[in-house]
Amino acid sequence: MDTYSFLRELADSWVLLMLFAFFVGAAAWAFRPGARGMHDEAARVPFRHDDPDGEA
């Protein structure tokens, strides 16, 4: 078996499976219940004003 065929077979099976597992893990990490406060804080960033006058 030449190198190209081996790498192609590897990418089509195991690497695809590992990337799918990484995606599922990243989605689970983002949507975990403990991240709610961090996401709420990030959602309020555009509405924060550092200067009390409201001038840019």
C-alpha atoms as a PDB file:
ATOM      1  CA  MET A   1       0.000   0.000   0.000  1.00  0.00           C
ATOM      2  CA  ASP A   2       1.486   3.340  -0.962  1.00  0.00           C
ATOM      3  CA  THR A   3       1.608   6.323   1.362  1.00  0.00           C
ATOM      4  CA  TYR A   4      -1.181   8.268  -0.332  1.00  0.00           C
ATOM      5  CA  SER A   5      -3.664   5.397  -0.095  1.00  0.00           C
ATOM      6  CA  PHE A   6      -2.814   4.811   3.551  1.00  0.00           C
ATOM      7  CA  LEU A   7      -3.226   8.471   4.483  1.00  0.00           C
ATOM      8  CA  ARG A   8      -6.432   8.739   2.465  1.00  0.00           C
ATOM      9  CA  GLU A   9      -7.925   5.728   4.243  1.00  0.00           C
ATOM     10  CA  LEU A  10      -6.805   7.080   7.615  1.00  0.00           C
ATOM     11  CA  ALA A  11      -8.340  10.497   6.929  1.00  0.00           C
ATOM     12  CA  ASP A  12     -11.594   8.989   5.691  1.00  0.00           C
ATOM     13  CA  SER A  13     -12.106   6.948   8.836  1.00  0.00           C
ATOM     14  CA  TRP A  14     -10.230   7.702  12.045  1.00  0.00           C
ATOM     15  CA  VAL A  15      -9.433  11.367  11.536  1.00  0.00           C
ATOM     16  CA  LEU A  16     -13.046  12.041  10.592  1.00  0.00           C
ATOM     17  CA  LEU A  17     -14.174  10.251  13.743  1.00  0.00           C
ATOM     18  CA  MET A  18     -11.732  12.242  15.901  1.00  0.00           C
ATOM     19  CA  LEU A  19     -12.836  15.569  14.370  1.00  0.00           C
ATOM     20  CA  PHE A  20     -16.477  14.674  14.972  1.00  0.00           C
ATOM     21  CA  ALA A  21     -15.690  13.818  18.607  1.00  0.00           C
ATOM     22  CA  PHE A  22     -13.839  17.134  18.965  1.00  0.00           C
ATOM     23  CA  PHE A  23     -16.861  18.999  17.557  1.00  0.00           C
ATOM     24  CA  VAL A  24     -19.269  17.259  19.925  1.00  0.00           C
ATOM     25  CA  GLY A  25     -16.934  17.977  22.862  1.00  0.00           C
ATOM     26  CA  ALA A  26     -16.610  21.668  21.918  1.00  0.00           C
ATOM     27  CA  ALA A  27     -20.381  22.015  21.580  1.00  0.00           C
ATOM     28  CA  ALA A  28     -20.934  20.303  24.935  1.00  0.00           C
ATOM     29  CA  TRP A  29     -18.345  22.616  26.524  1.00  0.00           C
ATOM     30  CA  ALA A  30     -20.024  25.727  25.096  1.00  0.00           C
ATOM     31  CA  PHE A  31     -23.542  24.705  26.122  1.00  0.00           C
ATOM     32  CA  ARG A  32     -22.741  23.341  29.576  1.00  0.00           C
ATOM     33  CA  PRO A  33     -24.855  24.809  32.414  1.00  0.00           C
ATOM     34  CA  GLY A  34     -21.836  26.336  34.179  1.00  0.00           C
ATOM     35  CA  ALA A  35     -21.036  28.595  31.208  1.00  0.00           C
ATOM     36  CA  ARG A  36     -24.281  30.574  31.448  1.00  0.00           C
ATOM     37  CA  GLY A  37     -22.751  33.412  33.449  1.00  0.00           C
ATOM     38  CA  MET A  38     -19.843  33.777  31.057  1.00  0.00           C
ATOM     39  CA  HIS A  39     -22.185  33.890  28.040  1.00  0.00           C
ATOM     40  CA  ASP A  40     -24.496  36.409  29.740  1.00  0.00           C
ATOM     41  CA  GLU A  41     -21.528  38.648  30.532  1.00  0.00           C
ATOM     42  CA  ALA A  42     -20.263  38.418  26.940  1.00  0.00           C
ATOM     43  CA  ALA A  43     -23.741  39.295  25.661  1.00  0.00           C
ATOM     44  CA  ARG A  44     -23.749  42.519  27.728  1.00  0.00           C
ATOM     45  CA  VAL A  45     -20.365  43.763  26.428  1.00  0.00           C
ATOM     46  CA  PRO A  46     -21.813  46.016  23.654  1.00  0.00           C
ATOM     47  CA  PHE A  47     -24.023  47.791  26.187  1.00  0.00           C
ATOM     48  CA  ARG A  48     -21.235  48.704  28.617  1.00  0.00           C
ATOM     49  CA  HIS A  49     -20.055  52.289  28.698  1.00  0.00           C
ATOM     50  CA  ASP A  50     -16.778  53.259  30.313  1.00  0.00           C
ATOM     51  CA  ASP A  51     -17.317  57.009  30.187  1.00  0.00           C
ATOM     52  CA  PRO A  52     -20.236  58.417  32.191  1.00  0.00           C
ATOM     53  CA  ASP A  53     -21.003  61.157  29.607  1.00  0.00           C
ATOM     54  CA  GLY A  54     -21.774  58.644  26.886  1.00  0.00           C
ATOM     55  CA  GLU A  55     -19.267  60.273  24.536  1.00  0.00           C
ATOM     56  CA  ALA A  56     -16.985  58.176  22.404  1.00  0.00           C
END
